[in-house]
Amino acid sequence: MSTIKLFLGLFLIAAAVFVGAKIIPPYFENYQFKDAIKNEATLDTYTSKNENDIRIAVFRKAQDLDIPITEEQIHVQRQGMQGSGIIIIRAPYIVHVDLPGYPMDLHFEASTENRGVL
C-alpha cells in the first residue's frame, strides 16, 4: 500500500512540474513584454517616432521574446505633440498551451499609456 502512495505522490509531483513548465513561461514572457512596451512608450513620448515606427519596434521586441503576435495586432496611437502628448500601445495576443487531455488558450493584453510632461 505504501508503494502505491509513493508512486501516486511522485506522479502528482511530476504532473505539477510538467504543468508548471508549460504554463509559467508564457506568463513570464508577458511580464517582460509589458515592461518592454512601457519602456518603448516612455522613451517615444519624447521622440519624433511615428506610430508605424513604434509598432515595428514593439513587434521586434515581441519576436525577441517569442510572443505569438502579428504586427497588425499591435495598436499604437499617438495624440498631441512630442513631449506633451500621449502614446497608447495595446497588444492583445493568445498563447496556445497543449496539456495532455486539456489544451487551453491563454489570453494576454500587454498595454500601456504614457503622457508627456513638457
PDB file of N, CA and C in Angstrom:
ATOM      1  N   MET A   1       0.820  -1.202   0.000  1.00  0.00           N
ATOM      2  CA  MET A   1       0.000   0.000   0.000  1.00  0.00           C
ATOM      3  C   MET A   1       0.864   1.265   0.000  1.00  0.00           C
ATOM      4  N   SER A   2       1.969   1.265   0.762  1.00  0.00           N
ATOM      5  CA  SER A   2       2.815   2.442   0.803  1.00  0.00           C
ATOM      6  C   SER A   2       3.538   2.660  -0.534  1.00  0.00           C
ATOM      7  N   THR A   3       3.779   1.592  -1.280  1.00  0.00           N
ATOM      8  CA  THR A   3       4.400   1.717  -2.593  1.00  0.00           C
ATOM      9  C   THR A   3       3.469   2.442  -3.553  1.00  0.00           C
ATOM     10  N   ILE A   4       2.185   2.145  -3.483  1.00  0.00           N
ATOM     11  CA  ILE A   4       1.199   2.825  -4.328  1.00  0.00           C
ATOM     12  C   ILE A   4       1.135   4.305  -3.976  1.00  0.00           C
ATOM     13  N   LYS A   5       1.147   4.625  -2.703  1.00  0.00           N
ATOM     14  CA  LYS A   5       1.124   6.025  -2.268  1.00  0.00           C
ATOM     15  C   LYS A   5       2.380   6.754  -2.736  1.00  0.00           C
ATOM     16  N   LEU A   6       3.512   6.080  -2.686  1.00  0.00           N
ATOM     17  CA  LEU A   6       4.762   6.673  -3.147  1.00  0.00           C
ATOM     18  C   LEU A   6       4.685   6.999  -4.637  1.00  0.00           C
ATOM     19  N   PHE A   7       4.240   6.019  -5.444  1.00  0.00           N
ATOM     20  CA  PHE A   7       4.119   6.245  -6.888  1.00  0.00           C
ATOM     21  C   PHE A   7       3.089   7.321  -7.195  1.00  0.00           C
ATOM     22  N   LEU A   8       1.975   7.315  -6.467  1.00  0.00           N
ATOM     23  CA  LEU A   8       0.951   8.350  -6.672  1.00  0.00           C
ATOM     24  C   LEU A   8       1.512   9.729  -6.322  1.00  0.00           C
ATOM     25  N   GLY A   9       2.231   9.818  -5.227  1.00  0.00           N
ATOM     26  CA  GLY A   9       2.843  11.079  -4.827  1.00  0.00           C
ATOM     27  C   GLY A   9       3.858  11.573  -5.842  1.00  0.00           C
ATOM     28  N   LEU A  10       4.708  10.666  -6.328  1.00  0.00           N
ATOM     29  CA  LEU A  10       5.696  11.033  -7.351  1.00  0.00           C
ATOM     30  C   LEU A  10       5.019  11.449  -8.654  1.00  0.00           C
ATOM     31  N   PHE A  11       3.948  10.759  -9.014  1.00  0.00           N
ATOM     32  CA  PHE A  11       3.203  11.115 -10.222  1.00  0.00           C
ATOM     33  C   PHE A  11       2.609  12.519 -10.096  1.00  0.00           C
ATOM     34  N   LEU A  12       2.013  12.827  -8.955  1.00  0.00           N
ATOM     35  CA  LEU A  12       1.420  14.151  -8.754  1.00  0.00           C
ATOM     36  C   LEU A  12       2.481  15.250  -8.786  1.00  0.00           C
ATOM     37  N   ILE A  13       3.624  14.996  -8.202  1.00  0.00           N
ATOM     38  CA  ILE A  13       4.717  15.976  -8.236  1.00  0.00           C
ATOM     39  C   ILE A  13       5.201  16.180  -9.668  1.00  0.00           C
ATOM     40  N   ALA A  14       5.386  15.086 -10.402  1.00  0.00           N
ATOM     41  CA  ALA A  14       5.830  15.178 -11.793  1.00  0.00           C
ATOM     42  C   ALA A  14       4.793  15.905 -12.650  1.00  0.00           C
ATOM     43  N   ALA A  15       3.517  15.633 -12.426  1.00  0.00           N
ATOM     44  CA  ALA A  15       2.449  16.305 -13.185  1.00  0.00           C
ATOM     45  C   ALA A  15       2.442  17.802 -12.888  1.00  0.00           C
ATOM     46  N   ALA A  16       2.619  18.171 -11.619  1.00  0.00           N
ATOM     47  CA  ALA A  16       2.642  19.592 -11.251  1.00  0.00           C
ATOM     48  C   ALA A  16       3.834  20.305 -11.896  1.00  0.00           C
ATOM     49  N   VAL A  17       4.983  19.655 -11.911  1.00  0.00           N
ATOM     50  CA  VAL A  17       6.170  20.244 -12.547  1.00  0.00           C
ATOM     51  C   VAL A  17       5.943  20.396 -14.049  1.00  0.00           C
ATOM     52  N   PHE A  18       5.359  19.397 -14.681  1.00  0.00           N
ATOM     53  CA  PHE A  18       5.093  19.448 -16.123  1.00  0.00           C
ATOM     54  C   PHE A  18       4.128  20.584 -16.463  1.00  0.00           C
ATOM     55  N   VAL A  19       3.033  20.669 -15.725  1.00  0.00           N
ATOM     56  CA  VAL A  19       2.045  21.735 -15.976  1.00  0.00           C
ATOM     57  C   VAL A  19       2.675  23.104 -15.731  1.00  0.00           C
ATOM     58  N   GLY A  20       3.437  23.225 -14.653  1.00  0.00           N
ATOM     59  CA  GLY A  20       4.109  24.494 -14.376  1.00  0.00           C
ATOM     60  C   GLY A  20       5.084  24.875 -15.471  1.00  0.00           C
ATOM     61  N   ALA A  21       5.808  23.900 -16.004  1.00  0.00           N
ATOM     62  CA  ALA A  21       6.763  24.164 -17.084  1.00  0.00           C
ATOM     63  C   ALA A  21       6.076  24.622 -18.363  1.00  0.00           C
ATOM     64  N   LYS A  22       4.828  24.238 -18.551  1.00  0.00           N
ATOM     65  CA  LYS A  22       4.073  24.646 -19.740  1.00  0.00           C
ATOM     66  C   LYS A  22       3.386  26.007 -19.553  1.00  0.00           C
ATOM     67  N   ILE A  23       2.925  26.303 -18.346  1.00  0.00           N
ATOM     68  CA  ILE A  23       2.100  27.496 -18.121  1.00  0.00           C
ATOM     69  C   ILE A  23       2.899  28.702 -17.636  1.00  0.00           C
ATOM     70  N   ILE A  24       3.925  28.511 -16.843  1.00  0.00           N
ATOM     71  CA  ILE A  24       4.655  29.647 -16.275  1.00  0.00           C
ATOM     72  C   ILE A  24       5.408  30.464 -17.336  1.00  0.00           C
ATOM     73  N   PRO A  25       6.099  29.859 -18.311  1.00  0.00           N
ATOM     74  CA  PRO A  25       6.833  30.678 -19.287  1.00  0.00           C
ATOM     75  C   PRO A  25       5.992  31.716 -20.040  1.00  0.00           C
ATOM     76  N   PRO A  26       4.765  31.403 -20.515  1.00  0.00           N
ATOM     77  CA  PRO A  26       4.000  32.460 -21.183  1.00  0.00           C
ATOM     78  C   PRO A  26       3.680  33.648 -20.266  1.00  0.00           C
ATOM     79  N   TYR A  27       3.445  33.401 -18.992  1.00  0.00           N
ATOM     80  CA  TYR A  27       3.177  34.497 -18.063  1.00  0.00           C
ATOM     81  C   TYR A  27       4.438  35.338 -17.840  1.00  0.00           C
ATOM     82  N   PHE A  28       5.579  34.693 -17.744  1.00  0.00           N
ATOM     83  CA  PHE A  28       6.838  35.418 -17.567  1.00  0.00           C
ATOM     84  C   PHE A  28       7.155  36.247 -18.813  1.00  0.00           C
ATOM     85  N   GLU A  29       6.962  35.663 -20.001  1.00  0.00           N
ATOM     86  CA  GLU A  29       7.196  36.390 -21.245  1.00  0.00           C
ATOM     87  C   GLU A  29       6.237  37.571 -21.377  1.00  0.00           C
ATOM     88  N   ASN A  30       4.997  37.403 -20.931  1.00  0.00           N
ATOM     89  CA  ASN A  30       4.036  38.501 -20.960  1.00  0.00           C
ATOM     90  C   ASN A  30       4.502  39.636 -20.052  1.00  0.00           C
ATOM     91  N   TYR A  31       5.013  39.301 -18.884  1.00  0.00           N
ATOM     92  CA  TYR A  31       5.540  40.314 -17.967  1.00  0.00           C
ATOM     93  C   TYR A  31       6.684  41.085 -18.626  1.00  0.00           C
ATOM     94  N   GLN A  32       7.599  40.377 -19.284  1.00  0.00           N
ATOM     95  CA  GLN A  32       8.709  41.037 -19.963  1.00  0.00           C
ATOM     96  C   GLN A  32       8.221  41.899 -21.121  1.00  0.00           C
ATOM     97  N   PHE A  33       7.210  41.418 -21.847  1.00  0.00           N
ATOM     98  CA  PHE A  33       6.665  42.156 -22.984  1.00  0.00           C
ATOM     99  C   PHE A  33       5.975  43.435 -22.504  1.00  0.00           C
ATOM    100  N   LYS A  34       5.209  43.341 -21.421  1.00  0.00           N
ATOM    101  CA  LYS A  34       4.571  44.539 -20.860  1.00  0.00           C
ATOM    102  C   LYS A  34       5.609  45.571 -20.463  1.00  0.00           C
ATOM    103  N   ASP A  35       6.689  45.118 -19.849  1.00  0.00           N
ATOM    104  CA  ASP A  35       7.761  46.019 -19.443  1.00  0.00           C
ATOM    105  C   ASP A  35       8.402  46.680 -20.661  1.00  0.00           C
ATOM    106  N   ALA A  36       8.615  45.906 -21.723  1.00  0.00           N
ATOM    107  CA  ALA A  36       9.207  46.450 -22.949  1.00  0.00           C
ATOM    108  C   ALA A  36       8.287  47.484 -23.595  1.00  0.00           C
ATOM    109  N   ILE A  37       6.981  47.220 -23.590  1.00  0.00           N
ATOM    110  CA  ILE A  37       6.019  48.169 -24.160  1.00  0.00           C
ATOM    111  C   ILE A  37       6.002  49.458 -23.350  1.00  0.00           C
ATOM    112  N   LYS A  38       6.038  49.331 -22.041  1.00  0.00           N
ATOM    113  CA  LYS A  38       6.055  50.521 -21.182  1.00  0.00           C
ATOM    114  C   LYS A  38       7.310  51.357 -21.439  1.00  0.00           C
ATOM    115  N   ASN A  39       8.459  50.697 -21.537  1.00  0.00           N
ATOM    116  CA  ASN A  39       9.701  51.418 -21.829  1.00  0.00           C
ATOM    117  C   ASN A  39       9.642  52.102 -23.188  1.00  0.00           C
ATOM    118  N   GLU A  40       9.108  51.411 -24.169  1.00  0.00           N
ATOM    119  CA  GLU A  40       9.001  51.976 -25.520  1.00  0.00           C
ATOM    120  C   GLU A  40       8.125  53.226 -25.506  1.00  0.00           C
ATOM    121  N   ALA A  41       6.995  53.153 -24.833  1.00  0.00           N
ATOM    122  CA  ALA A  41       6.085  54.303 -24.768  1.00  0.00           C
ATOM    123  C   ALA A  41       6.730  55.467 -24.021  1.00  0.00           C
ATOM    124  N   THR A  42       7.433  55.172 -22.946  1.00  0.00           N
ATOM    125  CA  THR A  42       8.081  56.226 -22.172  1.00  0.00           C
ATOM    126  C   THR A  42       9.135  56.943 -23.003  1.00  0.00           C
ATOM    127  N   LEU A  43       9.967  56.189 -23.682  1.00  0.00           N
ATOM    128  CA  LEU A  43      11.027  56.796 -24.486  1.00  0.00           C
ATOM    129  C   LEU A  43      10.472  57.533 -25.706  1.00  0.00           C
ATOM    130  N   ASP A  44       9.485  56.933 -26.360  1.00  0.00           N
ATOM    131  CA  ASP A  44       8.987  57.506 -27.606  1.00  0.00           C
ATOM    132  C   ASP A  44       8.074  58.707 -27.404  1.00  0.00           C
ATOM    133  N   THR A  45       7.646  58.962 -26.186  1.00  0.00           N
ATOM    134  CA  THR A  45       6.856  60.161 -25.917  1.00  0.00           C
ATOM    135  C   THR A  45       7.673  61.406 -26.245  1.00  0.00           C
ATOM    136  N   TYR A  46       8.978  61.302 -26.064  1.00  0.00           N
ATOM    137  CA  TYR A  46       9.860  62.465 -26.240  1.00  0.00           C
ATOM    138  C   TYR A  46      10.666  62.399 -27.529  1.00  0.00           C
ATOM    139  N   THR A  47      10.274  61.533 -28.462  1.00  0.00           N
ATOM    140  CA  THR A  47      10.938  61.464 -29.761  1.00  0.00           C
ATOM    141  C   THR A  47       9.921  61.783 -30.849  1.00  0.00           C
ATOM    142  N   SER A  48      10.419  61.846 -32.058  1.00  0.00           N
ATOM    143  CA  SER A  48       9.518  62.139 -33.181  1.00  0.00           C
ATOM    144  C   SER A  48       9.129  60.869 -33.942  1.00  0.00           C
ATOM    145  N   LYS A  49       9.294  59.699 -33.326  1.00  0.00           N
ATOM    146  CA  LYS A  49       8.904  58.448 -33.981  1.00  0.00           C
ATOM    147  C   LYS A  49       7.410  58.469 -34.283  1.00  0.00           C
ATOM    148  N   ASN A  50       7.074  58.004 -35.479  1.00  0.00           N
ATOM    149  CA  ASN A  50       5.645  57.925 -35.809  1.00  0.00           C
ATOM    150  C   ASN A  50       5.066  56.596 -35.313  1.00  0.00           C
ATOM    151  N   GLU A  51       3.758  56.453 -35.445  1.00  0.00           N
ATOM    152  CA  GLU A  51       3.068  55.268 -34.922  1.00  0.00           C
ATOM    153  C   GLU A  51       3.596  53.980 -35.542  1.00  0.00           C
ATOM    154  N   ASN A  52       3.879  53.996 -36.841  1.00  0.00           N
ATOM    155  CA  ASN A  52       4.352  52.788 -37.512  1.00  0.00           C
ATOM    156  C   ASN A  52       5.741  52.382 -37.016  1.00  0.00           C
ATOM    157  N   ASP A  53       6.641  53.355 -36.796  1.00  0.00           N
ATOM    158  CA  ASP A  53       7.976  53.042 -36.283  1.00  0.00           C
ATOM    159  C   ASP A  53       7.894  52.447 -34.879  1.00  0.00           C
ATOM    160  N   ILE A  54       6.989  52.959 -34.059  1.00  0.00           N
ATOM    161  CA  ILE A  54       6.795  52.425 -32.713  1.00  0.00           C
ATOM    162  C   ILE A  54       6.255  50.998 -32.799  1.00  0.00           C
ATOM    163  N   ARG A  55       5.298  50.784 -33.689  1.00  0.00           N
ATOM    164  CA  ARG A  55       4.713  49.439 -33.885  1.00  0.00           C
ATOM    165  C   ARG A  55       5.803  48.438 -34.284  1.00  0.00           C
ATOM    166  N   ILE A  56       6.684  48.841 -35.188  1.00  0.00           N
ATOM    167  CA  ILE A  56       7.764  47.962 -35.639  1.00  0.00           C
ATOM    168  C   ILE A  56       8.708  47.639 -34.486  1.00  0.00           C
ATOM    169  N   ALA A  57       9.042  48.633 -33.656  1.00  0.00           N
ATOM    170  CA  ALA A  57       9.928  48.404 -32.510  1.00  0.00           C
ATOM    171  C   ALA A  57       9.292  47.435 -31.506  1.00  0.00           C
ATOM    172  N   VAL A  58       7.996  47.594 -31.261  1.00  0.00           N
ATOM    173  CA  VAL A  58       7.290  46.697 -30.345  1.00  0.00           C
ATOM    174  C   VAL A  58       7.227  45.287 -30.933  1.00  0.00           C
ATOM    175  N   PHE A  59       6.987  45.194 -32.225  1.00  0.00           N
ATOM    176  CA  PHE A  59       6.927  43.885 -32.878  1.00  0.00           C
ATOM    177  C   PHE A  59       8.275  43.165 -32.801  1.00  0.00           C
ATOM    178  N   ARG A  60       9.363  43.904 -32.983  1.00  0.00           N
ATOM    179  CA  ARG A  60      10.700  43.292 -32.879  1.00  0.00           C
ATOM    180  C   ARG A  60      10.945  42.754 -31.476  1.00  0.00           C
ATOM    181  N   LYS A  61      10.527  43.505 -30.475  1.00  0.00           N
ATOM    182  CA  LYS A  61      10.679  43.037 -29.099  1.00  0.00           C
ATOM    183  C   LYS A  61       9.832  41.784 -28.876  1.00  0.00           C
ATOM    184  N   ALA A  62       8.631  41.757 -29.438  1.00  0.00           N
ATOM    185  CA  ALA A  62       7.769  40.571 -29.328  1.00  0.00           C
ATOM    186  C   ALA A  62       8.451  39.364 -29.965  1.00  0.00           C
ATOM    187  N   GLN A  63       9.093  39.569 -31.095  1.00  0.00           N
ATOM    188  CA  GLN A  63       9.808  38.469 -31.746  1.00  0.00           C
ATOM    189  C   GLN A  63      10.963  37.980 -30.884  1.00  0.00           C
ATOM    190  N   ASP A  64      11.678  38.907 -30.248  1.00  0.00           N
ATOM    191  CA  ASP A  64      12.789  38.525 -29.366  1.00  0.00           C
ATOM    192  C   ASP A  64      12.302  37.659 -28.208  1.00  0.00           C
ATOM    193  N   LEU A  65      11.098  37.922 -27.738  1.00  0.00           N
ATOM    194  CA  LEU A  65      10.535  37.196 -26.601  1.00  0.00           C
ATOM    195  C   LEU A  65       9.676  36.002 -27.014  1.00  0.00           C
ATOM    196  N   ASP A  66       9.610  35.727 -28.315  1.00  0.00           N
ATOM    197  CA  ASP A  66       8.788  34.638 -28.860  1.00  0.00           C
ATOM    198  C   ASP A  66       7.309  34.805 -28.523  1.00  0.00           C
ATOM    199  N   ILE A  67       6.829  36.041 -28.572  1.00  0.00           N
ATOM    200  CA  ILE A  67       5.415  36.330 -28.350  1.00  0.00           C
ATOM    201  C   ILE A  67       4.676  36.067 -29.668  1.00  0.00           C
ATOM    202  N   PRO A  68       3.625  35.246 -29.660  1.00  0.00           N
ATOM    203  CA  PRO A  68       2.908  34.934 -30.906  1.00  0.00           C
ATOM    204  C   PRO A  68       1.933  36.060 -31.279  1.00  0.00           C
ATOM    205  N   ILE A  69       2.465  37.082 -31.919  1.00  0.00           N
ATOM    206  CA  ILE A  69       1.654  38.241 -32.286  1.00  0.00           C
ATOM    207  C   ILE A  69       2.098  38.712 -33.662  1.00  0.00           C
ATOM    208  N   THR A  70       1.154  39.256 -34.425  1.00  0.00           N
ATOM    209  CA  THR A  70       1.484  39.837 -35.717  1.00  0.00           C
ATOM    210  C   THR A  70       1.603  41.347 -35.560  1.00  0.00           C
ATOM    211  N   GLU A  71       2.236  41.951 -36.516  1.00  0.00           N
ATOM    212  CA  GLU A  71       2.399  43.410 -36.476  1.00  0.00           C
ATOM    213  C   GLU A  71       1.042  44.118 -36.509  1.00  0.00           C
ATOM    214  N   GLU A  72       0.067  43.515 -37.182  1.00  0.00           N
ATOM    215  CA  GLU A  72      -1.262  44.114 -37.293  1.00  0.00           C
ATOM    216  C   GLU A  72      -2.022  44.091 -35.958  1.00  0.00           C
ATOM    217  N   GLN A  73      -1.647  43.197 -35.054  1.00  0.00           N
ATOM    218  CA  GLN A  73      -2.317  43.110 -33.753  1.00  0.00           C
ATOM    219  C   GLN A  73      -1.839  44.190 -32.776  1.00  0.00           C
ATOM    220  N   ILE A  74      -0.754  44.858 -33.106  1.00  0.00           N
ATOM    221  CA  ILE A  74      -0.196  45.885 -32.227  1.00  0.00           C
ATOM    222  C   ILE A  74      -0.809  47.221 -32.614  1.00  0.00           C
ATOM    223  N   HIS A  75      -1.516  47.828 -31.668  1.00  0.00           N
ATOM    224  CA  HIS A  75      -2.205  49.094 -31.916  1.00  0.00           C
ATOM    225  C   HIS A  75      -1.454  50.215 -31.204  1.00  0.00           C
ATOM    226  N   VAL A  76      -1.031  51.204 -31.991  1.00  0.00           N
ATOM    227  CA  VAL A  76      -0.303  52.342 -31.439  1.00  0.00           C
ATOM    228  C   VAL A  76      -1.071  53.604 -31.792  1.00  0.00           C
ATOM    229  N   GLN A  77      -1.261  54.446 -30.792  1.00  0.00           N
ATOM    230  CA  GLN A  77      -1.969  55.706 -31.003  1.00  0.00           C
ATOM    231  C   GLN A  77      -1.151  56.821 -30.360  1.00  0.00           C
ATOM    232  N   ARG A  78      -0.851  57.828 -31.141  1.00  0.00           N
ATOM    233  CA  ARG A  78      -0.105  58.984 -30.650  1.00  0.00           C
ATOM    234  C   ARG A  78      -1.026  60.194 -30.752  1.00  0.00           C
ATOM    235  N   GLN A  79      -1.185  60.876 -29.625  1.00  0.00           N
ATOM    236  CA  GLN A  79      -2.047  62.065 -29.590  1.00  0.00           C
ATOM    237  C   GLN A  79      -1.220  63.244 -29.088  1.00  0.00           C
ATOM    238  N   GLY A  80      -1.442  64.393 -29.654  1.00  0.00           N
ATOM    239  CA  GLY A  80      -0.753  65.592 -29.183  1.00  0.00           C
ATOM    240  C   GLY A  80       0.637  65.719 -29.761  1.00  0.00           C
ATOM    241  N   MET A  81       1.379  66.667 -29.195  1.00  0.00           N
ATOM    242  CA  MET A  81       2.705  66.993 -29.688  1.00  0.00           C
ATOM    243  C   MET A  81       3.777  66.192 -28.959  1.00  0.00           C
ATOM    244  N   GLN A  82       4.958  66.143 -29.591  1.00  0.00           N
ATOM    245  CA  GLN A  82       6.102  65.461 -28.997  1.00  0.00           C
ATOM    246  C   GLN A  82       6.422  66.089 -27.644  1.00  0.00           C
ATOM    247  N   GLY A  83       6.563  65.263 -26.622  1.00  0.00           N
ATOM    248  CA  GLY A  83       6.920  65.746 -25.294  1.00  0.00           C
ATOM    249  C   GLY A  83       5.733  66.069 -24.410  1.00  0.00           C
ATOM    250  N   SER A  84       4.612  66.469 -25.009  1.00  0.00           N
ATOM    251  CA  SER A  84       3.447  66.783 -24.188  1.00  0.00           C
ATOM    252  C   SER A  84       2.230  65.963 -24.591  1.00  0.00           C
ATOM    253  N   GLY A  85       2.432  65.027 -25.495  1.00  0.00           N
ATOM    254  CA  GLY A  85       1.325  64.213 -25.973  1.00  0.00           C
ATOM    255  C   GLY A  85       1.168  62.923 -25.197  1.00  0.00           C
ATOM    256  N   ILE A  86       0.376  62.054 -25.772  1.00  0.00           N
ATOM    257  CA  ILE A  86       0.085  60.755 -25.163  1.00  0.00           C
ATOM    258  C   ILE A  86       0.405  59.669 -26.184  1.00  0.00           C
ATOM    259  N   ILE A  87       1.026  58.596 -25.707  1.00  0.00           N
ATOM    260  CA  ILE A  87       1.221  57.414 -26.543  1.00  0.00           C
ATOM    261  C   ILE A  87       0.503  56.255 -25.864  1.00  0.00           C
ATOM    262  N   ILE A  88      -0.357  55.597 -26.638  1.00  0.00           N
ATOM    263  CA  ILE A  88      -1.095  54.429 -26.148  1.00  0.00           C
ATOM    264  C   ILE A  88      -0.690  53.238 -27.015  1.00  0.00           C
ATOM    265  N   ILE A  89      -0.274  52.164 -26.359  1.00  0.00           N
ATOM    266  CA  ILE A  89       0.105  50.941 -27.068  1.00  0.00           C
ATOM    267  C   ILE A  89      -0.714  49.797 -26.493  1.00  0.00           C
ATOM    268  N   ARG A  90      -1.377  49.054 -27.378  1.00  0.00           N
ATOM    269  CA  ARG A  90      -2.141  47.859 -26.989  1.00  0.00           C
ATOM    270  C   ARG A  90      -1.683  46.703 -27.858  1.00  0.00           C
ATOM    271  N   ALA A  91      -1.454  45.561 -27.241  1.00  0.00           N
ATOM    272  CA  ALA A  91      -1.003  44.390 -27.989  1.00  0.00           C
ATOM    273  C   ALA A  91      -1.655  43.130 -27.421  1.00  0.00           C
ATOM    274  N   PRO A  92      -2.905  42.856 -27.819  1.00  0.00           N
ATOM    275  CA  PRO A  92      -3.551  41.620 -27.346  1.00  0.00           C
ATOM    276  C   PRO A  92      -3.072  40.411 -28.161  1.00  0.00           C
ATOM    277  N   TYR A  93      -2.892  39.302 -27.474  1.00  0.00           N
ATOM    278  CA  TYR A  93      -2.477  38.085 -28.171  1.00  0.00           C
ATOM    279  C   TYR A  93      -2.894  36.859 -27.354  1.00  0.00           C
ATOM    280  N   ILE A  94      -2.834  35.706 -28.010  1.00  0.00           N
ATOM    281  CA  ILE A  94      -3.248  34.447 -27.391  1.00  0.00           C
ATOM    282  C   ILE A  94      -2.088  33.456 -27.498  1.00  0.00           C
ATOM    283  N   VAL A  95      -1.823  32.752 -26.406  1.00  0.00           N
ATOM    284  CA  VAL A  95      -0.814  31.693 -26.401  1.00  0.00           C
ATOM    285  C   VAL A  95      -1.556  30.368 -26.212  1.00  0.00           C
ATOM    286  N   HIS A  96      -1.358  29.452 -27.145  1.00  0.00           N
ATOM    287  CA  HIS A  96      -1.987  28.126 -27.045  1.00  0.00           C
ATOM    288  C   HIS A  96      -1.043  27.203 -26.283  1.00  0.00           C
ATOM    289  N   VAL A  97      -1.570  26.543 -25.268  1.00  0.00           N
ATOM    290  CA  VAL A  97      -0.792  25.602 -24.461  1.00  0.00           C
ATOM    291  C   VAL A  97      -1.435  24.228 -24.597  1.00  0.00           C
ATOM    292  N   ASP A  98      -0.638  23.262 -25.023  1.00  0.00           N
ATOM    293  CA  ASP A  98      -1.130  21.891 -25.169  1.00  0.00           C
ATOM    294  C   ASP A  98      -0.789  21.084 -23.924  1.00  0.00           C
ATOM    295  N   LEU A  99      -1.784  20.899 -23.086  1.00  0.00           N
ATOM    296  CA  LEU A  99      -1.644  19.993 -21.948  1.00  0.00           C
ATOM    297  C   LEU A  99      -2.334  18.691 -22.329  1.00  0.00           C
ATOM    298  N   PRO A 100      -1.791  17.560 -21.916  1.00  0.00           N
ATOM    299  CA  PRO A 100      -2.421  16.281 -22.276  1.00  0.00           C
ATOM    300  C   PRO A 100      -3.885  16.220 -21.818  1.00  0.00           C
ATOM    301  N   GLY A 101      -4.769  16.092 -22.776  1.00  0.00           N
ATOM    302  CA  GLY A 101      -6.192  15.995 -22.469  1.00  0.00           C
ATOM    303  C   GLY A 101      -6.868  17.318 -22.172  1.00  0.00           C
ATOM    304  N   TYR A 102      -6.110  18.424 -22.143  1.00  0.00           N
ATOM    305  CA  TYR A 102      -6.709  19.715 -21.799  1.00  0.00           C
ATOM    306  C   TYR A 102      -5.955  20.857 -22.481  1.00  0.00           C
ATOM    307  N   PRO A 103      -6.107  20.983 -23.806  1.00  0.00           N
ATOM    308  CA  PRO A 103      -5.475  22.124 -24.470  1.00  0.00           C
ATOM    309  C   PRO A 103      -6.177  23.418 -24.047  1.00  0.00           C
ATOM    310  N   MET A 104      -5.416  24.484 -23.920  1.00  0.00           N
ATOM    311  CA  MET A 104      -6.011  25.742 -23.475  1.00  0.00           C
ATOM    312  C   MET A 104      -5.364  26.923 -24.179  1.00  0.00           C
ATOM    313  N   ASP A 105      -6.124  28.013 -24.237  1.00  0.00           N
ATOM    314  CA  ASP A 105      -5.628  29.272 -24.773  1.00  0.00           C
ATOM    315  C   ASP A 105      -5.516  30.270 -23.634  1.00  0.00           C
ATOM    316  N   LEU A 106      -4.348  30.878 -23.503  1.00  0.00           N
ATOM    317  CA  LEU A 106      -4.129  31.922 -22.504  1.00  0.00           C
ATOM    318  C   LEU A 106      -4.227  33.263 -23.215  1.00  0.00           C
ATOM    319  N   HIS A 107      -5.122  34.121 -22.762  1.00  0.00           N
ATOM    320  CA  HIS A 107      -5.347  35.422 -23.376  1.00  0.00           C
ATOM    321  C   HIS A 107      -4.569  36.487 -22.606  1.00  0.00           C
ATOM    322  N   PHE A 108      -3.758  37.245 -23.341  1.00  0.00           N
ATOM    323  CA  PHE A 108      -2.959  38.308 -22.749  1.00  0.00           C
ATOM    324  C   PHE A 108      -3.240  39.613 -23.471  1.00  0.00           C
ATOM    325  N   GLU A 109      -3.090  40.717 -22.750  1.00  0.00           N
ATOM    326  CA  GLU A 109      -3.133  42.032 -23.397  1.00  0.00           C
ATOM    327  C   GLU A 109      -2.090  42.914 -22.733  1.00  0.00           C
ATOM    328  N   ALA A 110      -0.990  43.063 -23.434  1.00  0.00           N
ATOM    329  CA  ALA A 110       0.058  43.954 -22.960  1.00  0.00           C
ATOM    330  C   ALA A 110      -0.302  45.345 -23.455  1.00  0.00           C
ATOM    331  N   SER A 111      -0.436  46.295 -22.528  1.00  0.00           N
ATOM    332  CA  SER A 111      -0.808  47.643 -22.940  1.00  0.00           C
ATOM    333  C   SER A 111      -0.245  48.662 -21.977  1.00  0.00           C
ATOM    334  N   THR A 112      -0.132  49.883 -22.463  1.00  0.00           N
ATOM    335  CA  THR A 112       0.337  50.979 -21.635  1.00  0.00           C
ATOM    336  C   THR A 112      -0.122  52.298 -22.236  1.00  0.00           C
ATOM    337  N   GLU A 113      -0.086  53.317 -21.388  1.00  0.00           N
ATOM    338  CA  GLU A 113      -0.390  54.686 -21.829  1.00  0.00           C
ATOM    339  C   GLU A 113       0.617  55.591 -21.128  1.00  0.00           C
ATOM    340  N   ASN A 114       1.268  56.438 -21.903  1.00  0.00           N
ATOM    341  CA  ASN A 114       2.260  57.329 -21.332  1.00  0.00           C
ATOM    342  C   ASN A 114       1.960  58.769 -21.740  1.00  0.00           C
ATOM    343  N   ARG A 115       1.949  59.651 -20.766  1.00  0.00           N
ATOM    344  CA  ARG A 115       1.702  61.074 -21.016  1.00  0.00           C
ATOM    345  C   ARG A 115       2.992  61.848 -20.839  1.00  0.00           C
ATOM    346  N   GLY A 116       3.273  62.702 -21.789  1.00  0.00           N
ATOM    347  CA  GLY A 116       4.440  63.569 -21.681  1.00  0.00           C
ATOM    348  C   GLY A 116       4.200  64.690 -20.687  1.00  0.00           C
ATOM    349  N   VAL A 117       5.269  65.299 -20.167  1.00  0.00           N
ATOM    350  CA  VAL A 117       5.120  66.325 -19.151  1.00  0.00           C
ATOM    351  C   VAL A 117       5.666  67.689 -19.583  1.00  0.00           C
ATOM    352  N   LEU A 118       6.138  67.814 -20.795  1.00  0.00           N
ATOM    353  CA  LEU A 118       6.677  69.108 -21.240  1.00  0.00           C
ATOM    354  C   LEU A 118       5.590  70.114 -21.481  1.00  0.00           C
TER     355      LEU A 118
END
